[in-house]
Amino acid sequence: MAGYLRAVSSLCRASGSTRTWAPAALNVPSWPEQPRRHYAEKRIKVEKPVVEMDGDEMTRIIWQFIKEKLILPHVDVQLKYFDLGLPGHH
């Protein structure tokens, strides 16, 4: 790589170019700026508690993911938990 850069530098000097050489791969095209979304800076406050009910194993796993990733980071809510699964049911 160093040899390549020396060769290119010497070619630029030999051609009498006073312009600084920059490889075309480093020229980044200017893309239009993406519109910014203005999300709420504070968590949404829920006044009354929300009932959370679990049933089977798959529902429990999916609900846990949704709750942790999508709801609780953005909503300040008190959850009342009830498990409707059958104990000892296999």
PDB file of N, CA and C in Angstrom:
ATOM      1  N   MET A   1       0.826  -1.195   0.000  1.00  0.00           N
ATOM      2  CA  MET A   1       0.000   0.000   0.000  1.00  0.00           C
ATOM      3  C   MET A   1       0.869   1.257   0.000  1.00  0.00           C
ATOM      4  N   ALA A   2       1.933   1.224   0.829  1.00  0.00           N
ATOM      5  CA  ALA A   2       2.816   2.391   0.896  1.00  0.00           C
ATOM      6  C   ALA A   2       3.484   2.633  -0.450  1.00  0.00           C
ATOM      7  N   GLY A   3       3.878   1.543  -1.132  1.00  0.00           N
ATOM      8  CA  GLY A   3       4.491   1.677  -2.449  1.00  0.00           C
ATOM      9  C   GLY A   3       3.535   2.289  -3.457  1.00  0.00           C
ATOM     10  N   TYR A   4       2.289   1.905  -3.385  1.00  0.00           N
ATOM     11  CA  TYR A   4       1.262   2.446  -4.277  1.00  0.00           C
ATOM     12  C   TYR A   4       1.105   3.942  -4.055  1.00  0.00           C
ATOM     13  N   LEU A   5       1.058   4.363  -2.787  1.00  0.00           N
ATOM     14  CA  LEU A   5       0.896   5.788  -2.488  1.00  0.00           C
ATOM     15  C   LEU A   5       2.111   6.593  -2.936  1.00  0.00           C
ATOM     16  N   ARG A   6       3.312   6.033  -2.774  1.00  0.00           N
ATOM     17  CA  ARG A   6       4.514   6.733  -3.252  1.00  0.00           C
ATOM     18  C   ARG A   6       4.472   6.898  -4.766  1.00  0.00           C
ATOM     19  N   ALA A   7       4.033   5.854  -5.465  1.00  0.00           N
ATOM     20  CA  ALA A   7       3.969   5.919  -6.925  1.00  0.00           C
ATOM     21  C   ALA A   7       2.968   6.975  -7.376  1.00  0.00           C
ATOM     22  N   VAL A   8       1.833   7.020  -6.734  1.00  0.00           N
ATOM     23  CA  VAL A   8       0.817   8.007  -7.108  1.00  0.00           C
ATOM     24  C   VAL A   8       1.303   9.412  -6.786  1.00  0.00           C
ATOM     25  N   SER A   9       1.961   9.584  -5.629  1.00  0.00           N
ATOM     26  CA  SER A   9       2.486  10.903  -5.266  1.00  0.00           C
ATOM     27  C   SER A   9       3.519  11.376  -6.274  1.00  0.00           C
ATOM     28  N   SER A  10       4.397  10.462  -6.684  1.00  0.00           N
ATOM     29  CA  SER A  10       5.424  10.857  -7.654  1.00  0.00           C
ATOM     30  C   SER A  10       4.799  11.190  -9.005  1.00  0.00           C
ATOM     31  N   LEU A  11       3.759  10.478  -9.402  1.00  0.00           N
ATOM     32  CA  LEU A  11       3.073  10.797 -10.658  1.00  0.00           C
ATOM     33  C   LEU A  11       2.427  12.174 -10.592  1.00  0.00           C
ATOM     34  N   CYS A  12       1.849  12.498  -9.447  1.00  0.00           N
ATOM     35  CA  CYS A  12       1.226  13.819  -9.303  1.00  0.00           C
ATOM     36  C   CYS A  12       2.278  14.914  -9.374  1.00  0.00           C
ATOM     37  N   ARG A  13       3.421  14.693  -8.721  1.00  0.00           N
ATOM     38  CA  ARG A  13       4.499  15.690  -8.775  1.00  0.00           C
ATOM     39  C   ARG A  13       5.052  15.808 -10.189  1.00  0.00           C
ATOM     40  N   ALA A  14       5.181  14.685 -10.876  1.00  0.00           N
ATOM     41  CA  ALA A  14       5.734  14.689 -12.235  1.00  0.00           C
ATOM     42  C   ALA A  14       4.808  15.406 -13.205  1.00  0.00           C
ATOM     43  N   SER A  15       3.523  15.319 -12.973  1.00  0.00           N
ATOM     44  CA  SER A  15       2.591  15.969 -13.886  1.00  0.00           C
ATOM     45  C   SER A  15       2.479  17.455 -13.603  1.00  0.00           C
ATOM     46  N   GLY A  16       3.101  17.910 -12.505  1.00  0.00           N
ATOM     47  CA  GLY A  16       3.054  19.328 -12.194  1.00  0.00           C
ATOM     48  C   GLY A  16       1.738  19.743 -11.567  1.00  0.00           C
ATOM     49  N   SER A  17       0.997  18.790 -11.144  1.00  0.00           N
ATOM     50  CA  SER A  17      -0.294  19.089 -10.537  1.00  0.00           C
ATOM     51  C   SER A  17      -0.090  19.654  -9.138  1.00  0.00           C
ATOM     52  N   THR A  18      -0.675  20.807  -8.887  1.00  0.00           N
ATOM     53  CA  THR A  18      -0.585  21.400  -7.551  1.00  0.00           C
ATOM     54  C   THR A  18      -1.788  21.015  -6.702  1.00  0.00           C
ATOM     55  N   ARG A  19      -2.718  20.388  -7.335  1.00  0.00           N
ATOM     56  CA  ARG A  19      -3.925  19.972  -6.620  1.00  0.00           C
ATOM     57  C   ARG A  19      -3.613  18.760  -5.749  1.00  0.00           C
ATOM     58  N   THR A  20      -4.169  18.727  -4.564  1.00  0.00           N
ATOM     59  CA  THR A  20      -3.974  17.590  -3.672  1.00  0.00           C
ATOM     60  C   THR A  20      -4.702  16.395  -4.241  1.00  0.00           C
ATOM     61  N   TRP A  21      -4.002  15.284  -4.269  1.00  0.00           N
ATOM     62  CA  TRP A  21      -4.581  14.070  -4.824  1.00  0.00           C
ATOM     63  C   TRP A  21      -5.419  13.373  -3.779  1.00  0.00           C
ATOM     64  N   ALA A  22      -6.608  12.937  -4.170  1.00  0.00           N
ATOM     65  CA  ALA A  22      -7.469  12.148  -3.278  1.00  0.00           C
ATOM     66  C   ALA A  22      -8.086  11.048  -4.115  1.00  0.00           C
ATOM     67  N   PRO A  23      -8.051   9.814  -3.651  1.00  0.00           N
ATOM     68  CA  PRO A  23      -8.649   8.726  -4.427  1.00  0.00           C
ATOM     69  C   PRO A  23     -10.150   8.912  -4.580  1.00  0.00           C
ATOM     70  N   ALA A  24     -10.657   8.489  -5.728  1.00  0.00           N
ATOM     71  CA  ALA A  24     -12.084   8.650  -6.005  1.00  0.00           C
ATOM     72  C   ALA A  24     -12.944   7.869  -5.026  1.00  0.00           C
ATOM     73  N   ALA A  25     -12.397   6.796  -4.483  1.00  0.00           N
ATOM     74  CA  ALA A  25     -13.181   5.984  -3.549  1.00  0.00           C
ATOM     75  C   ALA A  25     -13.496   6.741  -2.272  1.00  0.00           C
ATOM     76  N   LEU A  26     -12.700   7.760  -1.953  1.00  0.00           N
ATOM     77  CA  LEU A  26     -12.947   8.526  -0.733  1.00  0.00           C
ATOM     78  C   LEU A  26     -13.928   9.667  -0.946  1.00  0.00           C
ATOM     79  N   ASN A  27     -14.225   9.976  -2.199  1.00  0.00           N
ATOM     80  CA  ASN A  27     -15.197  11.033  -2.463  1.00  0.00           C
ATOM     81  C   ASN A  27     -16.592  10.496  -2.195  1.00  0.00           C
ATOM     82  N   VAL A  28     -17.191  10.958  -1.138  1.00  0.00           N
ATOM     83  CA  VAL A  28     -18.499  10.470  -0.724  1.00  0.00           C
ATOM     84  C   VAL A  28     -19.573  11.328  -1.377  1.00  0.00           C
ATOM     85  N   PRO A  29     -20.528  10.707  -2.060  1.00  0.00           N
ATOM     86  CA  PRO A  29     -21.595  11.510  -2.658  1.00  0.00           C
ATOM     87  C   PRO A  29     -22.439  12.158  -1.566  1.00  0.00           C
ATOM     88  N   SER A  30     -22.930  13.331  -1.868  1.00  0.00           N
ATOM     89  CA  SER A  30     -23.762  14.008  -0.866  1.00  0.00           C
ATOM     90  C   SER A  30     -25.199  13.514  -1.016  1.00  0.00           C
ATOM     91  N   TRP A  31     -25.682  12.833   0.005  1.00  0.00           N
ATOM     92  CA  TRP A  31     -27.041  12.310   0.021  1.00  0.00           C
ATOM     93  C   TRP A  31     -27.938  13.330   0.691  1.00  0.00           C
ATOM     94  N   PRO A  32     -29.185  13.417   0.261  1.00  0.00           N
ATOM     95  CA  PRO A  32     -30.085  14.330   0.966  1.00  0.00           C
ATOM     96  C   PRO A  32     -30.247  13.860   2.411  1.00  0.00           C
ATOM     97  N   GLU A  33     -30.292  14.812   3.315  1.00  0.00           N
ATOM     98  CA  GLU A  33     -30.403  14.475   4.735  1.00  0.00           C
ATOM     99  C   GLU A  33     -31.765  13.856   5.028  1.00  0.00           C
ATOM    100  N   GLN A  34     -31.744  12.796   5.805  1.00  0.00           N
ATOM    101  CA  GLN A  34     -32.987  12.122   6.183  1.00  0.00           C
ATOM    102  C   GLN A  34     -33.788  13.027   7.116  1.00  0.00           C
ATOM    103  N   PRO A  35     -35.111  13.039   6.948  1.00  0.00           N
ATOM    104  CA  PRO A  35     -35.918  13.853   7.863  1.00  0.00           C
ATOM    105  C   PRO A  35     -35.805  13.311   9.282  1.00  0.00           C
ATOM    106  N   ARG A  36     -35.727  14.204  10.240  1.00  0.00           N
ATOM    107  CA  ARG A  36     -35.610  13.802  11.640  1.00  0.00           C
ATOM    108  C   ARG A  36     -36.987  13.579  12.226  1.00  0.00           C
ATOM    109  N   ARG A  37     -37.082  12.542  13.029  1.00  0.00           N
ATOM    110  CA  ARG A  37     -38.327  12.273  13.738  1.00  0.00           C
ATOM    111  C   ARG A  37     -38.194  12.833  15.137  1.00  0.00           C
ATOM    112  N   HIS A  38     -39.229  13.449  15.605  1.00  0.00           N
ATOM    113  CA  HIS A  38     -39.211  14.058  16.927  1.00  0.00           C
ATOM    114  C   HIS A  38     -40.003  13.184  17.883  1.00  0.00           C
ATOM    115  N   TYR A  39     -39.297  12.248  18.504  1.00  0.00           N
ATOM    116  CA  TYR A  39     -39.934  11.372  19.472  1.00  0.00           C
ATOM    117  C   TYR A  39     -40.059  12.111  20.800  1.00  0.00           C
ATOM    118  N   ALA A  40     -40.958  11.628  21.619  1.00  0.00           N
ATOM    119  CA  ALA A  40     -41.135  12.226  22.935  1.00  0.00           C
ATOM    120  C   ALA A  40     -39.847  12.064  23.740  1.00  0.00           C
ATOM    121  N   GLU A  41     -39.462  13.111  24.435  1.00  0.00           N
ATOM    122  CA  GLU A  41     -38.250  13.052  25.241  1.00  0.00           C
ATOM    123  C   GLU A  41     -38.521  12.433  26.603  1.00  0.00           C
ATOM    124  N   LYS A  42     -39.770  12.446  27.034  1.00  0.00           N
ATOM    125  CA  LYS A  42     -40.134  11.860  28.320  1.00  0.00           C
ATOM    126  C   LYS A  42     -41.030  10.658  28.082  1.00  0.00           C
ATOM    127  N   ARG A  43     -41.075   9.785  29.082  1.00  0.00           N
ATOM    128  CA  ARG A  43     -41.952   8.622  28.995  1.00  0.00           C
ATOM    129  C   ARG A  43     -43.398   9.063  29.184  1.00  0.00           C
ATOM    130  N   ILE A  44     -44.306   8.385  28.514  1.00  0.00           N
ATOM    131  CA  ILE A  44     -45.735   8.667  28.632  1.00  0.00           C
ATOM    132  C   ILE A  44     -46.218   8.126  29.968  1.00  0.00           C
ATOM    133  N   LYS A  45     -46.949   8.934  30.711  1.00  0.00           N
ATOM    134  CA  LYS A  45     -47.448   8.549  32.031  1.00  0.00           C
ATOM    135  C   LYS A  45     -48.867   8.011  31.897  1.00  0.00           C
ATOM    136  N   VAL A  46     -49.088   6.778  32.396  1.00  0.00           N
ATOM    137  CA  VAL A  46     -50.418   6.167  32.407  1.00  0.00           C
ATOM    138  C   VAL A  46     -50.939   6.270  33.835  1.00  0.00           C
ATOM    139  N   GLU A  47     -52.111   6.880  34.006  1.00  0.00           N
ATOM    140  CA  GLU A  47     -52.627   7.153  35.350  1.00  0.00           C
ATOM    141  C   GLU A  47     -53.066   5.898  36.093  1.00  0.00           C
ATOM    142  N   LYS A  48     -53.784   5.012  35.430  1.00  0.00           N
ATOM    143  CA  LYS A  48     -54.322   3.830  36.100  1.00  0.00           C
ATOM    144  C   LYS A  48     -53.504   2.599  35.735  1.00  0.00           C
ATOM    145  N   PRO A  49     -53.464   1.605  36.624  1.00  0.00           N
ATOM    146  CA  PRO A  49     -52.697   0.393  36.310  1.00  0.00           C
ATOM    147  C   PRO A  49     -53.297  -0.386  35.145  1.00  0.00           C
ATOM    148  N   VAL A  50     -52.448  -1.128  34.474  1.00  0.00           N
ATOM    149  CA  VAL A  50     -52.864  -1.957  33.349  1.00  0.00           C
ATOM    150  C   VAL A  50     -52.735  -3.413  33.779  1.00  0.00           C
ATOM    151  N   VAL A  51     -53.744  -4.228  33.451  1.00  0.00           N
ATOM    152  CA  VAL A  51     -53.730  -5.643  33.807  1.00  0.00           C
ATOM    153  C   VAL A  51     -52.923  -6.407  32.769  1.00  0.00           C
ATOM    154  N   GLU A  52     -51.990  -7.203  33.252  1.00  0.00           N
ATOM    155  CA  GLU A  52     -51.143  -8.034  32.405  1.00  0.00           C
ATOM    156  C   GLU A  52     -51.487  -9.488  32.717  1.00  0.00           C
ATOM    157  N   MET A  53     -51.947 -10.236  31.696  1.00  0.00           N
ATOM    158  CA  MET A  53     -52.339 -11.630  31.909  1.00  0.00           C
ATOM    159  C   MET A  53     -51.498 -12.539  31.031  1.00  0.00           C
ATOM    160  N   ASP A  54     -50.967 -13.593  31.634  1.00  0.00           N
ATOM    161  CA  ASP A  54     -50.198 -14.592  30.895  1.00  0.00           C
ATOM    162  C   ASP A  54     -51.007 -15.858  30.761  1.00  0.00           C
ATOM    163  N   GLY A  55     -50.733 -16.590  29.710  1.00  0.00           N
ATOM    164  CA  GLY A  55     -51.387 -17.866  29.495  1.00  0.00           C
ATOM    165  C   GLY A  55     -50.353 -18.935  29.252  1.00  0.00           C
ATOM    166  N   ASP A  56     -50.196 -19.333  28.006  1.00  0.00           N
ATOM    167  CA  ASP A  56     -49.246 -20.402  27.692  1.00  0.00           C
ATOM    168  C   ASP A  56     -47.814 -19.870  27.590  1.00  0.00           C
ATOM    169  N   GLU A  57     -46.885 -20.771  27.437  1.00  0.00           N
ATOM    170  CA  GLU A  57     -45.455 -20.447  27.431  1.00  0.00           C
ATOM    171  C   GLU A  57     -45.077 -19.495  26.301  1.00  0.00           C
ATOM    172  N   MET A  58     -45.575 -19.746  25.090  1.00  0.00           N
ATOM    173  CA  MET A  58     -45.210 -18.913  23.944  1.00  0.00           C
ATOM    174  C   MET A  58     -45.731 -17.490  24.121  1.00  0.00           C
ATOM    175  N   THR A  59     -46.949 -17.350  24.598  1.00  0.00           N
ATOM    176  CA  THR A  59     -47.499 -16.019  24.852  1.00  0.00           C
ATOM    177  C   THR A  59     -46.643 -15.286  25.874  1.00  0.00           C
ATOM    178  N   ARG A  60     -46.207 -15.981  26.881  1.00  0.00           N
ATOM    179  CA  ARG A  60     -45.384 -15.390  27.938  1.00  0.00           C
ATOM    180  C   ARG A  60     -44.063 -14.877  27.364  1.00  0.00           C
ATOM    181  N   ILE A  61     -43.429 -15.664  26.505  1.00  0.00           N
ATOM    182  CA  ILE A  61     -42.143 -15.272  25.914  1.00  0.00           C
ATOM    183  C   ILE A  61     -42.314 -14.067  24.994  1.00  0.00           C
ATOM    184  N   ILE A  62     -43.309 -14.116  24.137  1.00  0.00           N
ATOM    185  CA  ILE A  62     -43.546 -13.007  23.197  1.00  0.00           C
ATOM    186  C   ILE A  62     -43.918 -11.736  23.945  1.00  0.00           C
ATOM    187  N   TRP A  63     -44.801 -11.835  24.920  1.00  0.00           N
ATOM    188  CA  TRP A  63     -45.239 -10.658  25.675  1.00  0.00           C
ATOM    189  C   TRP A  63     -44.067 -10.049  26.436  1.00  0.00           C
ATOM    190  N   GLN A  64     -43.203 -10.869  27.019  1.00  0.00           N
ATOM    191  CA  GLN A  64     -42.038 -10.362  27.753  1.00  0.00           C
ATOM    192  C   GLN A  64     -41.150  -9.530  26.828  1.00  0.00           C
ATOM    193  N   PHE A  65     -40.929 -10.015  25.609  1.00  0.00           N
ATOM    194  CA  PHE A  65     -40.115  -9.290  24.637  1.00  0.00           C
ATOM    195  C   PHE A  65     -40.765  -7.956  24.261  1.00  0.00           C
ATOM    196  N   ILE A  66     -42.053  -7.997  23.930  1.00  0.00           N
ATOM    197  CA  ILE A  66     -42.765  -6.776  23.536  1.00  0.00           C
ATOM    198  C   ILE A  66     -42.741  -5.761  24.669  1.00  0.00           C
ATOM    199  N   LYS A  67     -43.005  -6.223  25.862  1.00  0.00           N
ATOM    200  CA  LYS A  67     -43.065  -5.339  27.029  1.00  0.00           C
ATOM    201  C   LYS A  67     -41.710  -4.681  27.287  1.00  0.00           C
ATOM    202  N   GLU A  68     -40.625  -5.469  27.288  1.00  0.00           N
ATOM    203  CA  GLU A  68     -39.302  -4.930  27.606  1.00  0.00           C
ATOM    204  C   GLU A  68     -38.740  -4.014  26.527  1.00  0.00           C
ATOM    205  N   LYS A  69     -38.967  -4.350  25.265  1.00  0.00           N
ATOM    206  CA  LYS A  69     -38.349  -3.597  24.166  1.00  0.00           C
ATOM    207  C   LYS A  69     -39.195  -2.436  23.651  1.00  0.00           C
ATOM    208  N   LEU A  70     -40.514  -2.602  23.640  1.00  0.00           N
ATOM    209  CA  LEU A  70     -41.357  -1.611  22.968  1.00  0.00           C
ATOM    210  C   LEU A  70     -42.221  -0.765  23.899  1.00  0.00           C
ATOM    211  N   ILE A  71     -42.581  -1.289  25.060  1.00  0.00           N
ATOM    212  CA  ILE A  71     -43.525  -0.562  25.909  1.00  0.00           C
ATOM    213  C   ILE A  71     -42.837   0.131  27.080  1.00  0.00           C
ATOM    214  N   LEU A  72     -42.187  -0.631  27.941  1.00  0.00           N
ATOM    215  CA  LEU A  72     -41.653  -0.071  29.183  1.00  0.00           C
ATOM    216  C   LEU A  72     -40.600   1.022  29.000  1.00  0.00           C
ATOM    217  N   PRO A  73     -39.778   1.017  27.953  1.00  0.00           N
ATOM    218  CA  PRO A  73     -38.847   2.137  27.794  1.00  0.00           C
ATOM    219  C   PRO A  73     -39.544   3.465  27.484  1.00  0.00           C
ATOM    220  N   HIS A  74     -40.788   3.415  27.003  1.00  0.00           N
ATOM    221  CA  HIS A  74     -41.461   4.628  26.549  1.00  0.00           C
ATOM    222  C   HIS A  74     -42.701   4.995  27.363  1.00  0.00           C
ATOM    223  N   VAL A  75     -43.171   4.064  28.194  1.00  0.00           N
ATOM    224  CA  VAL A  75     -44.419   4.286  28.927  1.00  0.00           C
ATOM    225  C   VAL A  75     -44.176   4.027  30.409  1.00  0.00           C
ATOM    226  N   ASP A  76     -44.568   4.996  31.237  1.00  0.00           N
ATOM    227  CA  ASP A  76     -44.493   4.849  32.689  1.00  0.00           C
ATOM    228  C   ASP A  76     -45.838   4.308  33.156  1.00  0.00           C
ATOM    229  N   VAL A  77     -45.890   2.997  33.418  1.00  0.00           N
ATOM    230  CA  VAL A  77     -47.162   2.348  33.723  1.00  0.00           C
ATOM    231  C   VAL A  77     -46.970   1.338  34.850  1.00  0.00           C
ATOM    232  N   GLN A  78     -47.980   1.213  35.694  1.00  0.00           N
ATOM    233  CA  GLN A  78     -47.986   0.186  36.730  1.00  0.00           C
ATOM    234  C   GLN A  78     -48.735  -1.019  36.172  1.00  0.00           C
ATOM    235  N   LEU A  79     -48.106  -2.193  36.228  1.00  0.00           N
ATOM    236  CA  LEU A  79     -48.718  -3.404  35.690  1.00  0.00           C
ATOM    237  C   LEU A  79     -49.221  -4.286  36.826  1.00  0.00           C
ATOM    238  N   LYS A  80     -50.437  -4.802  36.679  1.00  0.00           N
ATOM    239  CA  LYS A  80     -51.007  -5.788  37.602  1.00  0.00           C
ATOM    240  C   LYS A  80     -50.927  -7.131  36.891  1.00  0.00           C
ATOM    241  N   TYR A  81     -50.204  -8.083  37.461  1.00  0.00           N
ATOM    242  CA  TYR A  81     -49.912  -9.349  36.791  1.00  0.00           C
ATOM    243  C   TYR A  81     -50.817 -10.476  37.279  1.00  0.00           C
ATOM    244  N   PHE A  82     -51.389 -11.222  36.336  1.00  0.00           N
ATOM    245  CA  PHE A  82     -52.182 -12.411  36.633  1.00  0.00           C
ATOM    246  C   PHE A  82     -51.747 -13.520  35.688  1.00  0.00           C
ATOM    247  N   ASP A  83     -51.465 -14.712  36.234  1.00  0.00           N
ATOM    248  CA  ASP A  83     -51.071 -15.861  35.423  1.00  0.00           C
ATOM    249  C   ASP A  83     -52.280 -16.768  35.263  1.00  0.00           C
ATOM    250  N   LEU A  84     -52.763 -16.921  34.042  1.00  0.00           N
ATOM    251  CA  LEU A  84     -53.936 -17.751  33.768  1.00  0.00           C
ATOM    252  C   LEU A  84     -53.554 -19.156  33.316  1.00  0.00           C
ATOM    253  N   GLY A  85     -52.262 -19.469  33.347  1.00  0.00           N
ATOM    254  CA  GLY A  85     -51.819 -20.809  32.960  1.00  0.00           C
ATOM    255  C   GLY A  85     -52.251 -21.845  33.989  1.00  0.00           C
ATOM    256  N   LEU A  86     -52.392 -23.067  33.553  1.00  0.00           N
ATOM    257  CA  LEU A  86     -52.784 -24.154  34.452  1.00  0.00           C
ATOM    258  C   LEU A  86     -51.547 -24.698  35.161  1.00  0.00           C
ATOM    259  N   PRO A  87     -51.545 -24.713  36.497  1.00  0.00           N
ATOM    260  CA  PRO A  87     -50.378 -25.242  37.202  1.00  0.00           C
ATOM    261  C   PRO A  87     -50.258 -26.752  36.989  1.00  0.00           C
ATOM    262  N   GLY A  88     -49.050 -27.218  36.750  1.00  0.00           N
ATOM    263  CA  GLY A  88     -48.813 -28.641  36.564  1.00  0.00           C
ATOM    264  C   GLY A  88     -49.322 -29.193  35.253  1.00  0.00           C
ATOM    265  N   HIS A  89     -49.752 -28.344  34.334  1.00  0.00           N
ATOM    266  CA  HIS A  89     -50.258 -28.783  33.032  1.00  0.00           C
ATOM    267  C   HIS A  89     -49.079 -28.977  32.085  1.00  0.00           C
ATOM    268  N   HIS A  90     -48.897 -30.181  31.541  1.00  0.00           N
ATOM    269  CA  HIS A  90     -47.748 -30.456  30.655  1.00  0.00           C
ATOM    270  C   HIS A  90     -48.224 -30.797  29.288  1.00  0.00           C
TER     271      HIS A  90
END
